[in-house]
C-alpha atoms as a PDB file:
ATOM      1  CA  MET A   1       0.003   0.034   0.003  1.00  0.00           C
ATOM      2  CA  GLU A   2       1.346   3.400  -0.876  1.00  0.00           C
ATOM      3  CA  ARG A   3       2.163   5.891   1.898  1.00  0.00           C
ATOM      4  CA  LYS A   4      -0.768   8.187   1.209  1.00  0.00           C
ATOM      5  CA  ALA A   5      -3.461   5.459   1.523  1.00  0.00           C
ATOM      6  CA  ALA A   6      -1.756   3.864   4.602  1.00  0.00           C
ATOM      7  CA  VAL A   7      -1.456   7.127   6.530  1.00  0.00           C
ATOM      8  CA  ARG A   8      -5.056   8.209   5.791  1.00  0.00           C
ATOM      9  CA  ARG A   9      -6.385   4.767   6.762  1.00  0.00           C
ATOM     10  CA  VAL A  10      -4.707   4.941  10.143  1.00  0.00           C
ATOM     11  CA  GLY A  11      -6.163   8.455  10.738  1.00  0.00           C
ATOM     12  CA  ALA A  12      -9.625   7.148   9.917  1.00  0.00           C
ATOM     13  CA  VAL A  13      -9.286   4.063  12.203  1.00  0.00           C
ATOM     14  CA  VAL A  14      -8.076   6.291  15.082  1.00  0.00           C
ATOM     15  CA  LEU A  15     -11.060   8.616  14.658  1.00  0.00           C
ATOM     16  CA  ALA A  16     -13.569   5.761  14.548  1.00  0.00           C
ATOM     17  CA  VAL A  17     -12.215   4.034  17.667  1.00  0.00           C
ATOM     18  CA  ASN A  18     -12.146   7.309  19.635  1.00  0.00           C
ATOM     19  CA  ALA A  19     -15.736   8.001  18.674  1.00  0.00           C
ATOM     20  CA  LEU A  20     -16.728   4.485  19.795  1.00  0.00           C
ATOM     21  CA  LEU A  21     -15.059   4.983  23.132  1.00  0.00           C
ATOM     22  CA  VAL A  22     -16.889   8.253  23.719  1.00  0.00           C
ATOM     23  CA  LEU A  23     -20.200   6.509  23.237  1.00  0.00           C
ATOM     24  CA  ALA A  24     -19.243   3.585  25.424  1.00  0.00           C
ATOM     25  CA  LYS A  25     -17.769   5.613  28.300  1.00  0.00           C
ATOM     26  CA  GLY A  26     -20.498   8.223  28.059  1.00  0.00           C
ATOM     27  CA  ALA A  27     -23.216   5.605  28.400  1.00  0.00           C
ATOM     28  CA  VAL A  28     -21.557   4.091  31.521  1.00  0.00           C
ATOM     29  CA  TRP A  29     -20.938   7.512  32.986  1.00  0.00           C
ATOM     30  CA  TRP A  30     -24.595   8.369  32.481  1.00  0.00           C
ATOM     31  CA  SER A  31     -25.789   5.156  34.169  1.00  0.00           C
ATOM     32  CA  THR A  32     -23.312   5.006  37.034  1.00  0.00           C
ATOM     33  CA  GLY A  33     -22.289   8.571  37.779  1.00  0.00           C
ATOM     34  CA  SER A  34     -18.656   7.546  38.134  1.00  0.00           C
ATOM     35  CA  LEU A  35     -16.316  10.553  38.117  1.00  0.00           C
ATOM     36  CA  ALA A  36     -13.395   8.336  36.875  1.00  0.00           C
ATOM     37  CA  VAL A  37     -15.390   7.086  33.949  1.00  0.00           C
ATOM     38  CA  GLY A  38     -16.767  10.563  33.297  1.00  0.00           C
ATOM     39  CA  SER A  39     -13.245  12.018  33.069  1.00  0.00           C
ATOM     40  CA  GLU A  40     -12.285   9.190  30.683  1.00  0.00           C
ATOM     41  CA  ALA A  41     -15.338  10.013  28.528  1.00  0.00           C
ATOM     42  CA  ILE A  42     -14.247  13.606  28.347  1.00  0.00           C
ATOM     43  CA  ASN A  43     -10.694  12.571  27.559  1.00  0.00           C
ATOM     44  CA  SER A  44     -11.991  10.348  24.662  1.00  0.00           C
ATOM     45  CA  LEU A  45     -14.124  13.263  23.444  1.00  0.00           C
ATOM     46  CA  ALA A  46     -11.020  15.433  23.301  1.00  0.00           C
ATOM     47  CA  ASP A  47      -9.188  12.630  21.440  1.00  0.00           C
ATOM     48  CA  THR A  48     -12.046  12.488  18.946  1.00  0.00           C
ATOM     49  CA  ALA A  49     -11.960  16.286  18.420  1.00  0.00           C
ATOM     50  CA  TYR A  50      -8.243  16.490  17.629  1.00  0.00           C
ATOM     51  CA  SER A  51      -8.401  13.175  15.731  1.00  0.00           C
ATOM     52  CA  LEU A  52     -10.508  15.110  13.242  1.00  0.00           C
ATOM     53  CA  ILE A  53      -7.785  17.752  13.004  1.00  0.00           C
ATOM     54  CA  VAL A  54      -5.043  15.104  12.645  1.00  0.00           C
ATOM     55  CA  LEU A  55      -7.061  13.314   9.911  1.00  0.00           C
ATOM     56  CA  ALA A  56      -7.539  16.658   8.061  1.00  0.00           C
ATOM     57  CA  GLY A  57      -3.788  17.360   8.521  1.00  0.00           C
ATOM     58  CA  LEU A  58      -2.841  13.970   7.132  1.00  0.00           C
ATOM     59  CA  TYR A  59      -5.125  14.469   4.169  1.00  0.00           C
ATOM     60  CA  VAL A  60      -3.307  17.768   3.405  1.00  0.00           C
ATOM     61  CA  THR A  61       0.189  16.285   3.865  1.00  0.00           C
ATOM     62  CA  THR A  62      -0.456  13.338   1.538  1.00  0.00           C
ATOM     63  CA  GLN A  63      -1.554  15.575  -1.351  1.00  0.00           C
ATOM     64  CA  PRO A  64       0.691  15.229  -4.455  1.00  0.00           C
ATOM     65  CA  PRO A  65       3.219  17.982  -5.324  1.00  0.00           C
ATOM     66  CA  ASP A  66       1.911  21.029  -7.154  1.00  0.00           C
ATOM     67  CA  PHE A  67       3.292  24.270  -8.598  1.00  0.00           C
ATOM     68  CA  GLU A  68       3.429  26.011  -5.232  1.00  0.00           C
ATOM     69  CA  HIS A  69       4.635  23.007  -3.352  1.00  0.00           C
ATOM     70  CA  PRO A  70       7.029  21.125  -5.747  1.00  0.00           C
ATOM     71  CA  HIS A  71       8.296  18.867  -2.929  1.00  0.00           C
ATOM     72  CA  GLY A  72       4.882  17.854  -1.745  1.00  0.00           C
ATOM     73  CA  HIS A  73       3.145  18.733   1.473  1.00  0.00           C
ATOM     74  CA  GLU A  74       4.835  16.353   3.963  1.00  0.00           C
ATOM     75  CA  ARG A  75       6.484  19.312   5.732  1.00  0.00           C
ATOM     76  CA  ILE A  76       3.116  20.135   7.299  1.00  0.00           C
ATOM     77  CA  GLU A  77       3.248  16.958   9.359  1.00  0.00           C
ATOM     78  CA  PRO A  78       5.417  18.303  12.140  1.00  0.00           C
ATOM     79  CA  PHE A  79       2.837  21.027  12.700  1.00  0.00           C
ATOM     80  CA  VAL A  80       0.115  18.406  12.999  1.00  0.00           C
ATOM     81  CA  SER A  81       2.264  16.612  15.569  1.00  0.00           C
ATOM     82  CA  LEU A  82       2.676  19.777  17.537  1.00  0.00           C
ATOM     83  CA  PHE A  83      -1.065  20.141  17.604  1.00  0.00           C
ATOM     84  CA  VAL A  84      -1.248  16.653  19.064  1.00  0.00           C
ATOM     85  CA  ALA A  85       1.326  17.753  21.692  1.00  0.00           C
ATOM     86  CA  VAL A  86      -0.913  20.674  22.758  1.00  0.00           C
ATOM     87  CA  GLY A  87      -3.758  18.190  23.275  1.00  0.00           C
ATOM     88  CA  VAL A  88      -1.420  15.994  25.304  1.00  0.00           C
ATOM     89  CA  PHE A  89      -0.278  18.885  27.481  1.00  0.00           C
ATOM     90  CA  GLY A  90      -3.909  19.968  27.983  1.00  0.00           C
ATOM     91  CA  ALA A  91      -4.938  16.447  29.067  1.00  0.00           C
ATOM     92  CA  GLY A  92      -2.015  16.127  31.396  1.00  0.00           C
ATOM     93  CA  LEU A  93      -2.694  19.463  33.159  1.00  0.00           C
ATOM     94  CA  ALA A  94      -6.392  18.701  33.339  1.00  0.00           C
ATOM     95  CA  VAL A  95      -5.804  15.342  34.958  1.00  0.00           C
ATOM     96  CA  LEU A  96      -3.253  16.844  37.401  1.00  0.00           C
ATOM     97  CA  TRP A  97      -5.627  19.673  38.334  1.00  0.00           C
ATOM     98  CA  GLN A  98      -8.528  17.327  38.956  1.00  0.00           C
ATOM     99  CA  ALA A  99      -6.359  14.962  41.039  1.00  0.00           C
ATOM    100  CA  VAL A 100      -4.924  17.744  43.252  1.00  0.00           C
ATOM    101  CA  THR A 101      -8.348  19.434  43.806  1.00  0.00           C
ATOM    102  CA  SER A 102      -9.954  16.052  44.605  1.00  0.00           C
ATOM    103  CA  ILE A 103      -7.276  15.314  47.178  1.00  0.00           C
ATOM    104  CA  LEU A 104      -7.524  18.758  48.826  1.00  0.00           C
ATOM    105  CA  ALA A 105     -11.307  18.643  48.895  1.00  0.00           C
ATOM    106  CA  GLY A 106     -11.364  15.073  50.296  1.00  0.00           C
ATOM    107  CA  GLN A 107     -14.357  14.264  48.166  1.00  0.00           C
ATOM    108  CA  PRO A 108     -14.884  10.457  47.835  1.00  0.00           C
ATOM    109  CA  SER A 109     -15.722   9.017  44.423  1.00  0.00           C
ATOM    110  CA  PRO A 110     -18.996   7.206  44.060  1.00  0.00           C
ATOM    111  CA  GLY A 111     -18.909   3.494  43.449  1.00  0.00           C
ATOM    112  CA  ALA A 112     -19.415   2.385  39.891  1.00  0.00           C
ATOM    113  CA  GLY A 113     -19.342  -1.364  39.845  1.00  0.00           C
ATOM    114  CA  PRO A 114     -18.226  -3.943  37.296  1.00  0.00           C
ATOM    115  CA  LEU A 115     -19.720  -2.045  34.329  1.00  0.00           C
ATOM    116  CA  ALA A 116     -17.276   0.850  34.888  1.00  0.00           C
ATOM    117  CA  LEU A 117     -14.335  -1.495  35.357  1.00  0.00           C
ATOM    118  CA  GLY A 118     -15.301  -3.293  32.148  1.00  0.00           C
ATOM    119  CA  VAL A 119     -15.524  -0.238  29.949  1.00  0.00           C
ATOM    120  CA  LEU A 120     -12.223   1.097  31.334  1.00  0.00           C
ATOM    121  CA  ALA A 121     -10.475  -2.264  30.650  1.00  0.00           C
ATOM    122  CA  PHE A 122     -11.992  -2.275  27.169  1.00  0.00           C
ATOM    123  CA  GLY A 123     -10.744   1.264  26.568  1.00  0.00           C
ATOM    124  CA  GLY A 124      -7.229   0.435  27.742  1.00  0.00           C
ATOM    125  CA  LEU A 125      -7.092  -2.627  25.380  1.00  0.00           C
ATOM    126  CA  ALA A 126      -8.397  -0.561  22.501  1.00  0.00           C
ATOM    127  CA  LYS A 127      -5.812   2.168  23.091  1.00  0.00           C
ATOM    128  CA  TYR A 128      -3.052  -0.393  23.272  1.00  0.00           C
ATOM    129  CA  ALA A 129      -4.109  -1.813  19.907  1.00  0.00           C
ATOM    130  CA  LEU A 130      -4.152   1.705  18.451  1.00  0.00           C
ATOM    131  CA  TYR A 131      -0.758   2.484  19.981  1.00  0.00           C
ATOM    132  CA  ARG A 132       0.875  -0.500  18.356  1.00  0.00           C
ATOM    133  CA  TYR A 133      -0.881   0.077  15.019  1.00  0.00           C
ATOM    134  CA  CYS A 134      -0.051   3.801  14.798  1.00  0.00           C
ATOM    135  CA  LEU A 135       3.559   3.248  15.921  1.00  0.00           C
ATOM    136  CA  ARG A 136       4.145   0.506  13.381  1.00  0.00           C
ATOM    137  CA  VAL A 137       2.703   2.354  10.407  1.00  0.00           C
ATOM    138  CA  GLY A 138       4.172   5.681  11.568  1.00  0.00           C
ATOM    139  CA  ARG A 139       7.728   4.172  11.557  1.00  0.00           C
ATOM    140  CA  GLU A 140       7.191   2.230   8.375  1.00  0.00           C
ATOM    141  CA  ARG A 141       5.848   5.239   6.528  1.00  0.00           C
ATOM    142  CA  HIS A 142       8.088   7.750   8.287  1.00  0.00           C
ATOM    143  CA  SER A 143       5.122   9.784   9.518  1.00  0.00           C
ATOM    144  CA  PRO A 144       5.829  11.928  12.636  1.00  0.00           C
ATOM    145  CA  ALA A 145       2.099  12.725  12.971  1.00  0.00           C
ATOM    146  CA  LEU A 146       1.259   9.017  13.336  1.00  0.00           C
ATOM    147  CA  VAL A 147       4.184   8.460  15.771  1.00  0.00           C
ATOM    148  CA  ALA A 148       2.876  11.403  17.834  1.00  0.00           C
ATOM    149  CA  THR A 149      -0.634   9.859  17.744  1.00  0.00           C
ATOM    150  CA  ALA A 150       0.832   6.544  18.904  1.00  0.00           C
ATOM    151  CA  LEU A 151       2.451   8.198  21.887  1.00  0.00           C
ATOM    152  CA  ASP A 152      -0.850   9.967  22.698  1.00  0.00           C
ATOM    153  CA  ASN A 153      -2.592   6.592  22.621  1.00  0.00           C
ATOM    154  CA  ARG A 154       0.006   5.210  24.994  1.00  0.00           C
ATOM    155  CA  ASN A 155      -0.904   8.014  27.386  1.00  0.00           C
ATOM    156  CA  ASP A 156      -4.557   6.959  27.127  1.00  0.00           C
ATOM    157  CA  ILE A 157      -3.555   3.475  28.318  1.00  0.00           C
ATOM    158  CA  LEU A 158      -2.114   5.024  31.408  1.00  0.00           C
ATOM    159  CA  THR A 159      -5.152   7.271  32.052  1.00  0.00           C
ATOM    160  CA  ALA A 160      -7.454   4.295  31.566  1.00  0.00           C
ATOM    161  CA  GLY A 161      -5.286   2.263  33.954  1.00  0.00           C
ATOM    162  CA  ALA A 162      -5.379   5.035  36.490  1.00  0.00           C
ATOM    163  CA  ALA A 163      -9.157   5.323  36.254  1.00  0.00           C
ATOM    164  CA  PHE A 164      -9.393   1.573  36.601  1.00  0.00           C
ATOM    165  CA  VAL A 165      -7.282   1.642  39.812  1.00  0.00           C
ATOM    166  CA  GLY A 166      -9.404   4.520  41.121  1.00  0.00           C
ATOM    167  CA  VAL A 167     -12.730   2.785  40.469  1.00  0.00           C
ATOM    168  CA  LEU A 168     -11.337  -0.477  41.926  1.00  0.00           C
ATOM    169  CA  GLY A 169      -9.995   1.352  44.917  1.00  0.00           C
ATOM    170  CA  THR A 170     -13.374   2.955  45.513  1.00  0.00           C
ATOM    171  CA  GLU A 171     -15.026  -0.481  45.333  1.00  0.00           C
ATOM    172  CA  LEU A 172     -12.541  -1.884  47.855  1.00  0.00           C
ATOM    173  CA  GLY A 173     -12.996   1.070  50.289  1.00  0.00           C
ATOM    174  CA  ALA A 174      -9.975   3.233  49.355  1.00  0.00           C
ATOM    175  CA  PRO A 175     -11.256   6.112  47.239  1.00  0.00           C
ATOM    176  CA  VAL A 176      -8.095   8.113  47.697  1.00  0.00           C
ATOM    177  CA  LEU A 177      -6.403   5.799  45.177  1.00  0.00           C
ATOM    178  CA  ASP A 178      -8.357   7.517  42.383  1.00  0.00           C
ATOM    179  CA  PRO A 179      -6.746  11.026  42.612  1.00  0.00           C
ATOM    180  CA  LEU A 180      -3.395   9.658  43.615  1.00  0.00           C
ATOM    181  CA  ALA A 181      -3.137   7.366  40.550  1.00  0.00           C
ATOM    182  CA  ALA A 182      -4.357  10.185  38.339  1.00  0.00           C
ATOM    183  CA  ALA A 183      -1.652  12.551  39.619  1.00  0.00           C
ATOM    184  CA  VAL A 184       1.116  10.032  38.898  1.00  0.00           C
ATOM    185  CA  VAL A 185      -0.242   9.354  35.393  1.00  0.00           C
ATOM    186  CA  SER A 186      -0.515  13.098  34.611  1.00  0.00           C
ATOM    187  CA  LEU A 187       3.315  13.462  34.967  1.00  0.00           C
ATOM    188  CA  GLY A 188       3.734  10.644  32.357  1.00  0.00           C
ATOM    189  CA  ILE A 189       1.296  12.426  30.024  1.00  0.00           C
ATOM    190  CA  LEU A 190       3.204  15.734  30.310  1.00  0.00           C
ATOM    191  CA  TYR A 191       6.508  13.985  29.590  1.00  0.00           C
ATOM    192  CA  THR A 192       5.076  12.446  26.476  1.00  0.00           C
ATOM    193  CA  GLY A 193       4.020  15.896  25.323  1.00  0.00           C
ATOM    194  CA  TYR A 194       7.537  17.032  25.781  1.00  0.00           C
ATOM    195  CA  GLU A 195       8.821  14.034  23.724  1.00  0.00           C
ATOM    196  CA  ILE A 196       6.546  14.933  20.839  1.00  0.00           C
ATOM    197  CA  VAL A 197       7.597  18.629  20.822  1.00  0.00           C
ATOM    198  CA  ARG A 198      11.307  17.670  21.100  1.00  0.00           C
ATOM    199  CA  ASP A 199      11.193  15.260  18.145  1.00  0.00           C
ATOM    200  CA  ASN A 200       9.167  17.498  15.810  1.00  0.00           C
ATOM    201  CA  VAL A 201      11.071  20.751  16.535  1.00  0.00           C
ATOM    202  CA  ASN A 202      14.053  18.940  14.975  1.00  0.00           C
ATOM    203  CA  TYR A 203      11.978  18.498  11.800  1.00  0.00           C
ATOM    204  CA  LEU A 204      10.991  22.119  11.769  1.00  0.00           C
ATOM    205  CA  VAL A 205      14.445  23.688  12.331  1.00  0.00           C
ATOM    206  CA  GLY A 206      16.311  21.490   9.855  1.00  0.00           C
ATOM    207  CA  ALA A 207      18.362  19.489  12.448  1.00  0.00           C
ATOM    208  CA  ALA A 208      20.776  16.806  11.214  1.00  0.00           C
ATOM    209  CA  PRO A 209      19.445  13.202  11.110  1.00  0.00           C
ATOM    210  CA  PRO A 210      20.843  10.498  13.480  1.00  0.00           C
ATOM    211  CA  GLU A 211      24.532   9.539  13.044  1.00  0.00           C
ATOM    212  CA  GLU A 212      23.599   6.117  11.749  1.00  0.00           C
ATOM    213  CA  LEU A 213      21.771   7.616   8.785  1.00  0.00           C
ATOM    214  CA  ARG A 214      24.551  10.083   8.034  1.00  0.00           C
ATOM    215  CA  THR A 215      27.066   7.231   8.094  1.00  0.00           C
ATOM    216  CA  GLU A 216      24.932   5.195   5.746  1.00  0.00           C
ATOM    217  CA  ILE A 217      24.613   8.098   3.318  1.00  0.00           C
ATOM    218  CA  LEU A 218      28.420   8.483   3.252  1.00  0.00           C
ATOM    219  CA  SER A 219      28.828   4.722   2.916  1.00  0.00           C
ATOM    220  CA  ARG A 220      26.645   4.592  -0.150  1.00  0.00           C
ATOM    221  CA  ALA A 221      28.544   7.393  -1.833  1.00  0.00           C
ATOM    222  CA  LEU A 222      31.954   5.856  -1.160  1.00  0.00           C
ATOM    223  CA  ASP A 223      30.794   2.364  -2.132  1.00  0.00           C
ATOM    224  CA  HIS A 224      30.811   3.317  -5.770  1.00  0.00           C
ATOM    225  CA  PRO A 225      34.043   1.874  -7.272  1.00  0.00           C
ATOM    226  CA  GLN A 226      34.966   5.137  -9.093  1.00  0.00           C
ATOM    227  CA  VAL A 227      34.320   7.451  -6.128  1.00  0.00           C
ATOM    228  CA  GLU A 228      37.649   8.123  -4.378  1.00  0.00           C
ATOM    229  CA  GLY A 229      36.552  10.535  -1.749  1.00  0.00           C
ATOM    230  CA  ALA A 230      33.723  12.765  -0.466  1.00  0.00           C
ATOM    231  CA  HIS A 231      33.498  16.125   1.293  1.00  0.00           C
ATOM    232  CA  ASP A 232      31.003  18.824   2.232  1.00  0.00           C
ATOM    233  CA  VAL A 233      28.474  16.119   3.174  1.00  0.00           C
ATOM    234  CA  VAL A 234      25.367  17.802   4.508  1.00  0.00           C
ATOM    235  CA  ALA A 235      22.182  16.015   5.564  1.00  0.00           C
ATOM    236  CA  HIS A 236      19.292  17.842   7.261  1.00  0.00           C
ATOM    237  CA  TYR A 237      15.559  17.452   7.881  1.00  0.00           C
ATOM    238  CA  VAL A 238      13.137  19.235   5.609  1.00  0.00           C
ATOM    239  CA  GLY A 239       9.905  18.340   7.347  1.00  0.00           C
ATOM    240  CA  PRO A 240       9.975  14.619   8.220  1.00  0.00           C
ATOM    241  CA  GLU A 241      12.229  13.796   5.280  1.00  0.00           C
ATOM    242  CA  VAL A 242      15.992  14.317   4.777  1.00  0.00           C
ATOM    243  CA  ASP A 243      17.715  16.377   2.006  1.00  0.00           C
ATOM    244  CA  VAL A 244      21.360  15.499   1.225  1.00  0.00           C
ATOM    245  CA  SER A 245      24.019  17.404  -0.540  1.00  0.00           C
ATOM    246  CA  LEU A 246      27.674  16.276  -1.031  1.00  0.00           C
ATOM    247  CA  HIS A 247      30.723  16.525  -3.173  1.00  0.00           C
ATOM    248  CA  ILE A 248      32.381  13.350  -4.559  1.00  0.00           C
ATOM    249  CA  GLU A 249      35.935  13.047  -5.885  1.00  0.00           C
ATOM    250  CA  VAL A 250      36.576  11.150  -9.153  1.00  0.00           C
ATOM    251  CA  GLU A 251      39.360  10.870 -11.717  1.00  0.00           C
ATOM    252  CA  GLY A 252      39.742  14.119 -13.537  1.00  0.00           C
ATOM    253  CA  ASP A 253      40.158  12.631 -17.022  1.00  0.00           C
ATOM    254  CA  LEU A 254      36.687  11.019 -17.138  1.00  0.00           C
ATOM    255  CA  THR A 255      34.300  12.182 -19.888  1.00  0.00           C
ATOM    256  CA  LEU A 256      31.312  14.318 -18.983  1.00  0.00           C
ATOM    257  CA  ARG A 257      29.016  11.347 -19.698  1.00  0.00           C
ATOM    258  CA  GLU A 258      31.070   9.015 -17.396  1.00  0.00           C
ATOM    259  CA  ALA A 259      31.053  11.602 -14.609  1.00  0.00           C
ATOM    260  CA  HIS A 260      27.285  12.072 -15.080  1.00  0.00           C
ATOM    261  CA  ASP A 261      26.690   8.282 -14.841  1.00  0.00           C
ATOM    262  CA  ILE A 262      28.662   8.145 -11.577  1.00  0.00           C
ATOM    263  CA  GLU A 263      26.654  11.013 -10.153  1.00  0.00           C
ATOM    264  CA  THR A 264      23.425   9.352 -11.168  1.00  0.00           C
ATOM    265  CA  ASP A 265      24.450   6.025  -9.500  1.00  0.00           C
ATOM    266  CA  VAL A 266      25.349   7.821  -6.277  1.00  0.00           C
ATOM    267  CA  VAL A 267      22.124   9.801  -6.246  1.00  0.00           C
ATOM    268  CA  ARG A 268      20.041   6.610  -6.724  1.00  0.00           C
ATOM    269  CA  ALA A 269      21.939   4.675  -4.057  1.00  0.00           C
ATOM    270  CA  ILE A 270      21.307   7.424  -1.417  1.00  0.00           C
ATOM    271  CA  ARG A 271      17.754   8.158  -2.520  1.00  0.00           C
ATOM    272  CA  ASP A 272      16.902   4.441  -1.988  1.00  0.00           C
ATOM    273  CA  LEU A 273      17.066   5.160   1.766  1.00  0.00           C
ATOM    274  CA  ARG A 274      13.577   5.402   3.108  1.00  0.00           C
ATOM    275  CA  GLU A 275      14.177   8.607   5.041  1.00  0.00           C
ATOM    276  CA  VAL A 276      15.829  10.508   2.159  1.00  0.00           C
ATOM    277  CA  ASP A 277      13.878  12.805  -0.204  1.00  0.00           C
ATOM    278  CA  ASP A 278      16.288  14.882  -2.360  1.00  0.00           C
ATOM    279  CA  VAL A 279      19.934  14.244  -3.096  1.00  0.00           C
ATOM    280  CA  PHE A 280      22.294  16.734  -4.696  1.00  0.00           C
ATOM    281  CA  VAL A 281      25.750  15.469  -5.765  1.00  0.00           C
ATOM    282  CA  HIS A 282      28.539  17.704  -7.085  1.00  0.00           C
ATOM    283  CA  VAL A 283      31.321  15.896  -8.947  1.00  0.00           C
ATOM    284  CA  ASP A 284      34.857  17.160  -8.409  1.00  0.00           C
ATOM    285  CA  PRO A 285      38.033  16.048 -10.204  1.00  0.00           C
ATOM    286  CA  LYS A 286      40.253  14.645  -7.437  1.00  0.00           C
ATOM    287  CA  GLU A 287      43.286  16.454  -8.851  1.00  0.00           C
ATOM    288  CA  LEU A 288      41.896  19.841  -7.770  1.00  0.00           C
ATOM    289  CA  GLY A 289      42.618  18.984  -4.165  1.00  0.00           C
ATOM    290  CA  GLU A 290      39.272  20.190  -2.804  1.00  0.00           C
ATOM    291  CA  TRP A 291      39.276  17.433  -0.128  1.00  0.00           C
ATOM    292  CA  LYS A 292      38.404  18.961   3.224  1.00  0.00           C
ATOM    293  CA  GLU A 293      39.021  17.599   6.703  1.00  0.00           C
ATOM    294  CA  ASP A 294      35.979  15.838   8.144  1.00  0.00           C
ATOM    295  CA  GLU A 295      36.272  13.730  11.272  1.00  0.00           C
ATOM    296  CA  GLU A 296      33.227  11.582  10.441  1.00  0.00           C
ATOM    297  CA  ILE A 297      34.526  10.766   6.919  1.00  0.00           C
ATOM    298  CA  ASP A 298      38.057  10.105   8.240  1.00  0.00           C
ATOM    299  CA  ARG A 299      36.675   7.799  10.943  1.00  0.00           C
ATOM    300  CA  TRP A 300      34.536   5.932   8.419  1.00  0.00           C
ATOM    301  CA  MET A 301      37.417   5.423   5.939  1.00  0.00           C
ATOM    302  CA  ALA A 302      39.846   4.412   8.703  1.00  0.00           C
ATOM    303  CA  THR A 303      37.541   1.585   9.728  1.00  0.00           C
ATOM    304  CA  ASP A 304      36.523   0.557   6.207  1.00  0.00           C
ATOM    305  CA  GLY A 305      32.881   1.195   7.118  1.00  0.00           C
ATOM    306  CA  PRO A 306      30.547   2.289   9.939  1.00  0.00           C
ATOM    307  CA  ASP A 307      31.192   1.037  13.463  1.00  0.00           C
END
């Protein structure tokens, strides 16, 4: 399945599951009056609301290139991910506030019974399935928006677990477990929001990709039998994808056609990397002596390959 269809399908599945959870939790909340289940219903309603935004964002990012956006629309994805982060921060702060005020007020939670425990367990299992699904497709399709959504679903597993412990504690005569568990979970939610922001800011500011990818890019350039060196190797994020530029050193007496063929082979080899979008290769005659000191290149050549 092509990236566009896969990414859009995940967005639609996430929206449908969140809407189902709103209905299920809302019905139990209405019938039992459980505050824990009610807060989970509101949390799922918030998930549904920004799932709509994420789905719309994914639709835009998977549009084909046009005259105004010749490289496509994938660079919008980090902004979609940051929107998810805002929702995560909001949920974390809301849970923390509710937990603290409940503890200070000393208000016991009403009992909810097996129906509340059942819907919370079902919600946790559904969120775990969504977490694994979004994470797998997000990594396979290199979609930061889906990875951010996966992390948010992981948070929802924790909130459902906290609500479950709270309801169970109330049933066992220890209602204080409800706000205490929620307070602990809220810290995990806030940390996940930080993770989403940290990862996607790198996409927005054009940070360098991980060293493993940079090493693989250099390896593919130097693997060509007629490439005798490389310098000015630059790789950086443009949205969720990587643009690469580098100079390669070849024999100076090659014909223009031969040099062009080498350049084409190197471009294709690097572009075959899943994370890479555009590759720009400048061919230099090695006799010009334009080789520049580069610790990463020297380390790679000294070891005949990456560590």
